[in-house]
Amino acid sequence: LDNFENQLQENQESMSVLEAEIPHLRHIVC
């Protein structure tokens, strides 16, 4: 359970980084 929680936390952090990049990537596509 601790391992899963750690993986979940890491995944959520990765998602936050990716979500922050979305506006920039949309701008580049435009």
PDB file of all heavy atoms in Angstrom:
ATOM      1  N   LEU A   1       0.836  -1.205   0.000  1.00  0.00           N
ATOM      2  CA  LEU A   1       0.000   0.000   0.000  1.00  0.00           C
ATOM      3  C   LEU A   1       0.867   1.250   0.000  1.00  0.00           C
ATOM      4  O   LEU A   1       0.599   2.196  -0.751  1.00  0.00           O
ATOM      5  CB  LEU A   1      -0.936  -0.011   1.209  1.00  0.00           C
ATOM      6  CG  LEU A   1      -1.896   1.166   1.328  1.00  0.00           C
ATOM      7  CD1 LEU A   1      -2.816   1.250   0.119  1.00  0.00           C
ATOM      8  CD2 LEU A   1      -2.703   1.055   2.605  1.00  0.00           C
ATOM      9  N   ASP A   2       1.918   1.257   0.820  1.00  0.00           N
ATOM     10  CA  ASP A   2       2.837   2.399   0.827  1.00  0.00           C
ATOM     11  C   ASP A   2       3.472   2.591  -0.544  1.00  0.00           C
ATOM     12  O   ASP A   2       3.586   3.720  -1.030  1.00  0.00           O
ATOM     13  CB  ASP A   2       3.938   2.200   1.875  1.00  0.00           C
ATOM     14  CG  ASP A   2       3.446   2.447   3.292  1.00  0.00           C
ATOM     15  OD1 ASP A   2       2.383   3.077   3.451  1.00  0.00           O
ATOM     16  OD2 ASP A   2       4.136   2.007   4.232  1.00  0.00           O
ATOM     17  N   ASN A   3       3.878   1.482  -1.178  1.00  0.00           N
ATOM     18  CA  ASN A   3       4.472   1.573  -2.512  1.00  0.00           C
ATOM     19  C   ASN A   3       3.478   2.142  -3.520  1.00  0.00           C
ATOM     20  O   ASN A   3       3.832   2.990  -4.344  1.00  0.00           O
ATOM     21  CB  ASN A   3       4.974   0.209  -2.978  1.00  0.00           C
ATOM     22  CG  ASN A   3       6.213  -0.245  -2.229  1.00  0.00           C
ATOM     23  OD1 ASN A   3       6.928   0.562  -1.648  1.00  0.00           O
ATOM     24  ND2 ASN A   3       6.463  -1.534  -2.217  1.00  0.00           N
ATOM     25  N   PHE A   4       2.234   1.681  -3.453  1.00  0.00           N
ATOM     26  CA  PHE A   4       1.211   2.198  -4.369  1.00  0.00           C
ATOM     27  C   PHE A   4       0.960   3.679  -4.129  1.00  0.00           C
ATOM     28  O   PHE A   4       0.790   4.447  -5.074  1.00  0.00           O
ATOM     29  CB  PHE A   4      -0.094   1.408  -4.235  1.00  0.00           C
ATOM     30  CG  PHE A   4      -0.053   0.036  -4.833  1.00  0.00           C
ATOM     31  CD1 PHE A   4      -0.684  -1.025  -4.194  1.00  0.00           C
ATOM     32  CD2 PHE A   4       0.604  -0.225  -6.025  1.00  0.00           C
ATOM     33  CE1 PHE A   4      -0.652  -2.299  -4.738  1.00  0.00           C
ATOM     34  CE2 PHE A   4       0.643  -1.494  -6.574  1.00  0.00           C
ATOM     35  CZ  PHE A   4       0.011  -2.530  -5.930  1.00  0.00           C
ATOM     36  N   GLU A   5       0.926   4.086  -2.857  1.00  0.00           N
ATOM     37  CA  GLU A   5       0.714   5.495  -2.544  1.00  0.00           C
ATOM     38  C   GLU A   5       1.872   6.350  -3.070  1.00  0.00           C
ATOM     39  O   GLU A   5       1.651   7.439  -3.599  1.00  0.00           O
ATOM     40  CB  GLU A   5       0.540   5.688  -1.042  1.00  0.00           C
ATOM     41  CG  GLU A   5      -0.808   5.194  -0.531  1.00  0.00           C
ATOM     42  CD  GLU A   5      -0.935   5.263   0.983  1.00  0.00           C
ATOM     43  OE1 GLU A   5       0.089   5.387   1.693  1.00  0.00           O
ATOM     44  OE2 GLU A   5      -2.081   5.190   1.458  1.00  0.00           O
ATOM     45  N   ASN A   6       3.095   5.834  -2.931  1.00  0.00           N
ATOM     46  CA  ASN A   6       4.254   6.568  -3.459  1.00  0.00           C
ATOM     47  C   ASN A   6       4.187   6.680  -4.981  1.00  0.00           C
ATOM     48  O   ASN A   6       4.464   7.740  -5.550  1.00  0.00           O
ATOM     49  CB  ASN A   6       5.557   5.886  -3.036  1.00  0.00           C
ATOM     50  CG  ASN A   6       5.833   6.033  -1.560  1.00  0.00           C
ATOM     51  OD1 ASN A   6       5.337   6.941  -0.906  1.00  0.00           O
ATOM     52  ND2 ASN A   6       6.618   5.130  -1.012  1.00  0.00           N
ATOM     53  N   GLN A   7       3.820   5.578  -5.641  1.00  0.00           N
ATOM     54  CA  GLN A   7       3.681   5.606  -7.100  1.00  0.00           C
ATOM     55  C   GLN A   7       2.592   6.573  -7.515  1.00  0.00           C
ATOM     56  O   GLN A   7       2.749   7.327  -8.492  1.00  0.00           O
ATOM     57  CB  GLN A   7       3.369   4.208  -7.634  1.00  0.00           C
ATOM     58  CG  GLN A   7       4.544   3.268  -7.587  1.00  0.00           C
ATOM     59  CD  GLN A   7       4.165   1.869  -8.046  1.00  0.00           C
ATOM     60  OE1 GLN A   7       2.989   1.546  -8.246  1.00  0.00           O
ATOM     61  NE2 GLN A   7       5.160   1.011  -8.210  1.00  0.00           N
ATOM     62  N   LEU A   8       1.486   6.575  -6.793  1.00  0.00           N
ATOM     63  CA  LEU A   8       0.385   7.490  -7.092  1.00  0.00           C
ATOM     64  C   LEU A   8       0.844   8.934  -6.954  1.00  0.00           C
ATOM     65  O   LEU A   8       0.562   9.770  -7.823  1.00  0.00           O
ATOM     66  CB  LEU A   8      -0.802   7.217  -6.171  1.00  0.00           C
ATOM     67  CG  LEU A   8      -2.012   8.127  -6.335  1.00  0.00           C
ATOM     68  CD1 LEU A   8      -2.583   8.006  -7.749  1.00  0.00           C
ATOM     69  CD2 LEU A   8      -3.061   7.802  -5.296  1.00  0.00           C
ATOM     70  N   GLN A   9       1.585   9.228  -5.887  1.00  0.00           N
ATOM     71  CA  GLN A   9       2.096  10.582  -5.675  1.00  0.00           C
ATOM     72  C   GLN A   9       3.016  10.992  -6.823  1.00  0.00           C
ATOM     73  O   GLN A   9       2.916  12.107  -7.346  1.00  0.00           O
ATOM     74  CB  GLN A   9       2.842  10.661  -4.335  1.00  0.00           C
ATOM     75  CG  GLN A   9       3.406  12.025  -4.028  1.00  0.00           C
ATOM     76  CD  GLN A   9       2.319  13.062  -3.792  1.00  0.00           C
ATOM     77  OE1 GLN A   9       1.235  12.742  -3.338  1.00  0.00           O
ATOM     78  NE2 GLN A   9       2.615  14.296  -4.114  1.00  0.00           N
ATOM     79  N   GLU A  10       3.917  10.083  -7.229  1.00  0.00           N
ATOM     80  CA  GLU A  10       4.824  10.375  -8.338  1.00  0.00           C
ATOM     81  C   GLU A  10       4.038  10.603  -9.629  1.00  0.00           C
ATOM     82  O   GLU A  10       4.350  11.524 -10.395  1.00  0.00           O
ATOM     83  CB  GLU A  10       5.816   9.230  -8.522  1.00  0.00           C
ATOM     84  CG  GLU A  10       6.852   9.133  -7.416  1.00  0.00           C
ATOM     85  CD  GLU A  10       7.717   7.890  -7.542  1.00  0.00           C
ATOM     86  OE1 GLU A  10       7.628   7.176  -8.565  1.00  0.00           O
ATOM     87  OE2 GLU A  10       8.490   7.631  -6.595  1.00  0.00           O
ATOM     88  N   ASN A  11       3.037   9.783  -9.865  1.00  0.00           N
ATOM     89  CA  ASN A  11       2.213   9.941 -11.074  1.00  0.00           C
ATOM     90  C   ASN A  11       1.455  11.262 -11.062  1.00  0.00           C
ATOM     91  O   ASN A  11       1.330  11.927 -12.091  1.00  0.00           O
ATOM     92  CB  ASN A  11       1.246   8.772 -11.224  1.00  0.00           C
ATOM     93  CG  ASN A  11       1.948   7.484 -11.588  1.00  0.00           C
ATOM     94  OD1 ASN A  11       3.094   7.488 -12.036  1.00  0.00           O
ATOM     95  ND2 ASN A  11       1.284   6.363 -11.381  1.00  0.00           N
ATOM     96  N   GLN A  12       0.944  11.638  -9.896  1.00  0.00           N
ATOM     97  CA  GLN A  12       0.226  12.904  -9.796  1.00  0.00           C
ATOM     98  C   GLN A  12       1.165  14.085 -10.046  1.00  0.00           C
ATOM     99  O   GLN A  12       0.789  15.056 -10.700  1.00  0.00           O
ATOM    100  CB  GLN A  12      -0.437  13.026  -8.423  1.00  0.00           C
ATOM    101  CG  GLN A  12      -1.656  12.135  -8.277  1.00  0.00           C
ATOM    102  CD  GLN A  12      -2.233  12.133  -6.880  1.00  0.00           C
ATOM    103  OE1 GLN A  12      -1.545  12.427  -5.908  1.00  0.00           O
ATOM    104  NE2 GLN A  12      -3.506  11.773  -6.771  1.00  0.00           N
ATOM    105  N   GLU A  13       2.387  13.981  -9.541  1.00  0.00           N
ATOM    106  CA  GLU A  13       3.361  15.041  -9.786  1.00  0.00           C
ATOM    107  C   GLU A  13       3.698  15.121 -11.273  1.00  0.00           C
ATOM    108  O   GLU A  13       3.796  16.217 -11.838  1.00  0.00           O
ATOM    109  CB  GLU A  13       4.624  14.795  -8.955  1.00  0.00           C
ATOM    110  CG  GLU A  13       4.406  15.019  -7.470  1.00  0.00           C
ATOM    111  CD  GLU A  13       5.569  14.543  -6.609  1.00  0.00           C
ATOM    112  OE1 GLU A  13       6.592  14.088  -7.166  1.00  0.00           O
ATOM    113  OE2 GLU A  13       5.449  14.632  -5.376  1.00  0.00           O
ATOM    114  N   SER A  14       3.854  13.972 -11.910  1.00  0.00           N
ATOM    115  CA  SER A  14       4.131  13.954 -13.351  1.00  0.00           C
ATOM    116  C   SER A  14       2.969  14.556 -14.129  1.00  0.00           C
ATOM    117  O   SER A  14       3.176  15.304 -15.090  1.00  0.00           O
ATOM    118  CB  SER A  14       4.376  12.519 -13.832  1.00  0.00           C
ATOM    119  OG  SER A  14       5.534  11.991 -13.231  1.00  0.00           O
ATOM    120  N   MET A  15       1.757  14.221 -13.721  1.00  0.00           N
ATOM    121  CA  MET A  15       0.571  14.775 -14.385  1.00  0.00           C
ATOM    122  C   MET A  15       0.525  16.290 -14.233  1.00  0.00           C
ATOM    123  O   MET A  15       0.179  17.007 -15.173  1.00  0.00           O
ATOM    124  CB  MET A  15      -0.706  14.152 -13.812  1.00  0.00           C
ATOM    125  CG  MET A  15      -0.945  12.728 -14.241  1.00  0.00           C
ATOM    126  SD  MET A  15      -1.179  12.552 -16.008  1.00  0.00           S
ATOM    127  CE  MET A  15      -2.655  13.498 -16.246  1.00  0.00           C
ATOM    128  N   SER A  16       0.885  16.785 -13.070  1.00  0.00           N
ATOM    129  CA  SER A  16       0.887  18.231 -12.853  1.00  0.00           C
ATOM    130  C   SER A  16       1.874  18.911 -13.787  1.00  0.00           C
ATOM    131  O   SER A  16       1.577  19.970 -14.357  1.00  0.00           O
ATOM    132  CB  SER A  16       1.248  18.554 -11.400  1.00  0.00           C
ATOM    133  OG  SER A  16       0.253  18.077 -10.540  1.00  0.00           O
ATOM    134  N   VAL A  17       3.053  18.317 -13.947  1.00  0.00           N
ATOM    135  CA  VAL A  17       4.057  18.880 -14.854  1.00  0.00           C
ATOM    136  C   VAL A  17       3.524  18.874 -16.279  1.00  0.00           C
ATOM    137  O   VAL A  17       3.643  19.872 -17.007  1.00  0.00           O
ATOM    138  CB  VAL A  17       5.382  18.085 -14.752  1.00  0.00           C
ATOM    139  CG1 VAL A  17       6.341  18.468 -15.858  1.00  0.00           C
ATOM    140  CG2 VAL A  17       6.024  18.294 -13.387  1.00  0.00           C
ATOM    141  N   LEU A  18       2.921  17.755 -16.693  1.00  0.00           N
ATOM    142  CA  LEU A  18       2.385  17.664 -18.056  1.00  0.00           C
ATOM    143  C   LEU A  18       1.240  18.644 -18.274  1.00  0.00           C
ATOM    144  O   LEU A  18       1.147  19.286 -19.329  1.00  0.00           O
ATOM    145  CB  LEU A  18       1.925  16.235 -18.342  1.00  0.00           C
ATOM    146  CG  LEU A  18       3.036  15.189 -18.430  1.00  0.00           C
ATOM    147  CD1 LEU A  18       2.434  13.793 -18.563  1.00  0.00           C
ATOM    148  CD2 LEU A  18       3.972  15.481 -19.578  1.00  0.00           C
ATOM    149  N   GLU A  19       0.353  18.760 -17.296  1.00  0.00           N
ATOM    150  CA  GLU A  19      -0.768  19.690 -17.423  1.00  0.00           C
ATOM    151  C   GLU A  19      -0.274  21.128 -17.544  1.00  0.00           C
ATOM    152  O   GLU A  19      -0.866  21.935 -18.257  1.00  0.00           O
ATOM    153  CB  GLU A  19      -1.716  19.554 -16.231  1.00  0.00           C
ATOM    154  CG  GLU A  19      -2.543  18.289 -16.276  1.00  0.00           C
ATOM    155  CD  GLU A  19      -3.371  18.062 -15.021  1.00  0.00           C
ATOM    156  OE1 GLU A  19      -3.128  18.739 -13.991  1.00  0.00           O
ATOM    157  OE2 GLU A  19      -4.256  17.202 -15.062  1.00  0.00           O
ATOM    158  N   ALA A  20       0.814  21.440 -16.852  1.00  0.00           N
ATOM    159  CA  ALA A  20       1.370  22.794 -16.934  1.00  0.00           C
ATOM    160  C   ALA A  20       1.943  23.073 -18.325  1.00  0.00           C
ATOM    161  O   ALA A  20       1.976  24.226 -18.764  1.00  0.00           O
ATOM    162  CB  ALA A  20       2.452  22.973 -15.875  1.00  0.00           C
ATOM    163  N   GLU A  21       2.365  22.040 -19.031  1.00  0.00           N
ATOM    164  CA  GLU A  21       2.944  22.201 -20.363  1.00  0.00           C
ATOM    165  C   GLU A  21       1.888  22.309 -21.467  1.00  0.00           C
ATOM    166  O   GLU A  21       2.200  22.763 -22.567  1.00  0.00           O
ATOM    167  CB  GLU A  21       3.874  21.020 -20.675  1.00  0.00           C
ATOM    168  CG  GLU A  21       5.165  21.042 -19.899  1.00  0.00           C
ATOM    169  CD  GLU A  21       6.037  22.229 -20.254  1.00  0.00           C
ATOM    170  OE1 GLU A  21       6.196  22.524 -21.454  1.00  0.00           O
ATOM    171  OE2 GLU A  21       6.545  22.883 -19.321  1.00  0.00           O
ATOM    172  N   ILE A  22       0.675  21.918 -21.205  1.00  0.00           N
ATOM    173  CA  ILE A  22      -0.362  21.892 -22.239  1.00  0.00           C
ATOM    174  C   ILE A  22      -0.583  23.261 -22.878  1.00  0.00           C
ATOM    175  O   ILE A  22      -0.602  23.371 -24.118  1.00  0.00           O
ATOM    176  CB  ILE A  22      -1.676  21.290 -21.684  1.00  0.00           C
ATOM    177  CG1 ILE A  22      -1.487  19.788 -21.478  1.00  0.00           C
ATOM    178  CG2 ILE A  22      -2.852  21.560 -22.611  1.00  0.00           C
ATOM    179  CD1 ILE A  22      -2.652  19.098 -20.805  1.00  0.00           C
ATOM    180  N   PRO A  23      -0.753  24.346 -22.135  1.00  0.00           N
ATOM    181  CA  PRO A  23      -0.955  25.655 -22.787  1.00  0.00           C
ATOM    182  C   PRO A  23       0.218  26.036 -23.697  1.00  0.00           C
ATOM    183  O   PRO A  23       0.013  26.553 -24.798  1.00  0.00           O
ATOM    184  CB  PRO A  23      -1.093  26.630 -21.618  1.00  0.00           C
ATOM    185  CG  PRO A  23      -1.532  25.811 -20.470  1.00  0.00           C
ATOM    186  CD  PRO A  23      -0.906  24.470 -20.671  1.00  0.00           C
ATOM    187  N   HIS A  24       1.428  25.767 -23.235  1.00  0.00           N
ATOM    188  CA  HIS A  24       2.608  26.080 -24.046  1.00  0.00           C
ATOM    189  C   HIS A  24       2.598  25.264 -25.342  1.00  0.00           C
ATOM    190  O   HIS A  24       2.870  25.796 -26.428  1.00  0.00           O
ATOM    191  CB  HIS A  24       3.881  25.801 -23.233  1.00  0.00           C
ATOM    192  CG  HIS A  24       5.140  25.999 -24.005  1.00  0.00           C
ATOM    193  ND1 HIS A  24       5.570  27.243 -24.426  1.00  0.00           N
ATOM    194  CD2 HIS A  24       6.054  25.099 -24.451  1.00  0.00           C
ATOM    195  CE1 HIS A  24       6.696  27.099 -25.095  1.00  0.00           C
ATOM    196  NE2 HIS A  24       7.017  25.815 -25.121  1.00  0.00           N
ATOM    197  N   LEU A  25       2.275  23.985 -25.247  1.00  0.00           N
ATOM    198  CA  LEU A  25       2.238  23.130 -26.439  1.00  0.00           C
ATOM    199  C   LEU A  25       1.128  23.569 -27.400  1.00  0.00           C
ATOM    200  O   LEU A  25       1.314  23.559 -28.623  1.00  0.00           O
ATOM    201  CB  LEU A  25       2.055  21.664 -26.037  1.00  0.00           C
ATOM    202  CG  LEU A  25       3.238  21.044 -25.270  1.00  0.00           C
ATOM    203  CD1 LEU A  25       2.868  19.653 -24.767  1.00  0.00           C
ATOM    204  CD2 LEU A  25       4.487  20.992 -26.126  1.00  0.00           C
ATOM    205  N   ARG A  26      -0.001  23.978 -26.859  1.00  0.00           N
ATOM    206  CA  ARG A  26      -1.087  24.479 -27.716  1.00  0.00           C
ATOM    207  C   ARG A  26      -0.642  25.737 -28.453  1.00  0.00           C
ATOM    208  O   ARG A  26      -0.950  25.921 -29.631  1.00  0.00           O
ATOM    209  CB  ARG A  26      -2.334  24.758 -26.888  1.00  0.00           C
ATOM    210  CG  ARG A  26      -3.074  23.517 -26.498  1.00  0.00           C
ATOM    211  CD  ARG A  26      -4.387  23.836 -25.831  1.00  0.00           C
ATOM    212  NE  ARG A  26      -5.094  22.597 -25.540  1.00  0.00           N
ATOM    213  CZ  ARG A  26      -5.846  22.410 -24.487  1.00  0.00           C
ATOM    214  NH1 ARG A  26      -6.012  23.373 -23.605  1.00  0.00           N
ATOM    215  NH2 ARG A  26      -6.449  21.260 -24.298  1.00  0.00           N
ATOM    216  N   HIS A  27       0.072  26.592 -27.755  1.00  0.00           N
ATOM    217  CA  HIS A  27       0.587  27.816 -28.363  1.00  0.00           C
ATOM    218  C   HIS A  27       1.537  27.475 -29.517  1.00  0.00           C
ATOM    219  O   HIS A  27       1.459  28.078 -30.600  1.00  0.00           O
ATOM    220  CB  HIS A  27       1.296  28.665 -27.298  1.00  0.00           C
ATOM    221  CG  HIS A  27       1.922  29.896 -27.837  1.00  0.00           C
ATOM    222  ND1 HIS A  27       1.179  30.995 -28.243  1.00  0.00           N
ATOM    223  CD2 HIS A  27       3.227  30.211 -28.057  1.00  0.00           C
ATOM    224  CE1 HIS A  27       1.998  31.925 -28.689  1.00  0.00           C
ATOM    225  NE2 HIS A  27       3.256  31.483 -28.580  1.00  0.00           N
ATOM    226  N   ILE A  28       2.404  26.501 -29.290  1.00  0.00           N
ATOM    227  CA  ILE A  28       3.346  26.085 -30.344  1.00  0.00           C
ATOM    228  C   ILE A  28       2.594  25.514 -31.541  1.00  0.00           C
ATOM    229  O   ILE A  28       2.919  25.807 -32.699  1.00  0.00           O
ATOM    230  CB  ILE A  28       4.361  25.060 -29.783  1.00  0.00           C
ATOM    231  CG1 ILE A  28       5.300  25.748 -28.790  1.00  0.00           C
ATOM    232  CG2 ILE A  28       5.158  24.402 -30.901  1.00  0.00           C
ATOM    233  CD1 ILE A  28       6.230  24.807 -28.062  1.00  0.00           C
ATOM    234  N   VAL A  29       1.568  24.709 -31.282  1.00  0.00           N
ATOM    235  CA  VAL A  29       0.774  24.131 -32.377  1.00  0.00           C
ATOM    236  C   VAL A  29       0.098  25.237 -33.173  1.00  0.00           C
ATOM    237  O   VAL A  29       0.095  25.216 -34.413  1.00  0.00           O
ATOM    238  CB  VAL A  29      -0.263  23.121 -31.818  1.00  0.00           C
ATOM    239  CG1 VAL A  29      -1.287  22.745 -32.875  1.00  0.00           C
ATOM    240  CG2 VAL A  29       0.436  21.876 -31.274  1.00  0.00           C
ATOM    241  N   CYS A  30      -0.466  26.218 -32.500  1.00  0.00           N
ATOM    242  CA  CYS A  30      -1.121  27.338 -33.195  1.00  0.00           C
ATOM    243  C   CYS A  30      -0.113  28.113 -34.048  1.00  0.00           C
ATOM    244  O   CYS A  30      -0.406  28.479 -35.196  1.00  0.00           O
ATOM    245  CB  CYS A  30      -1.784  28.278 -32.190  1.00  0.00           C
ATOM    246  SG  CYS A  30      -3.282  27.600 -31.481  1.00  0.00           S
TER     247      CYS A  30
END
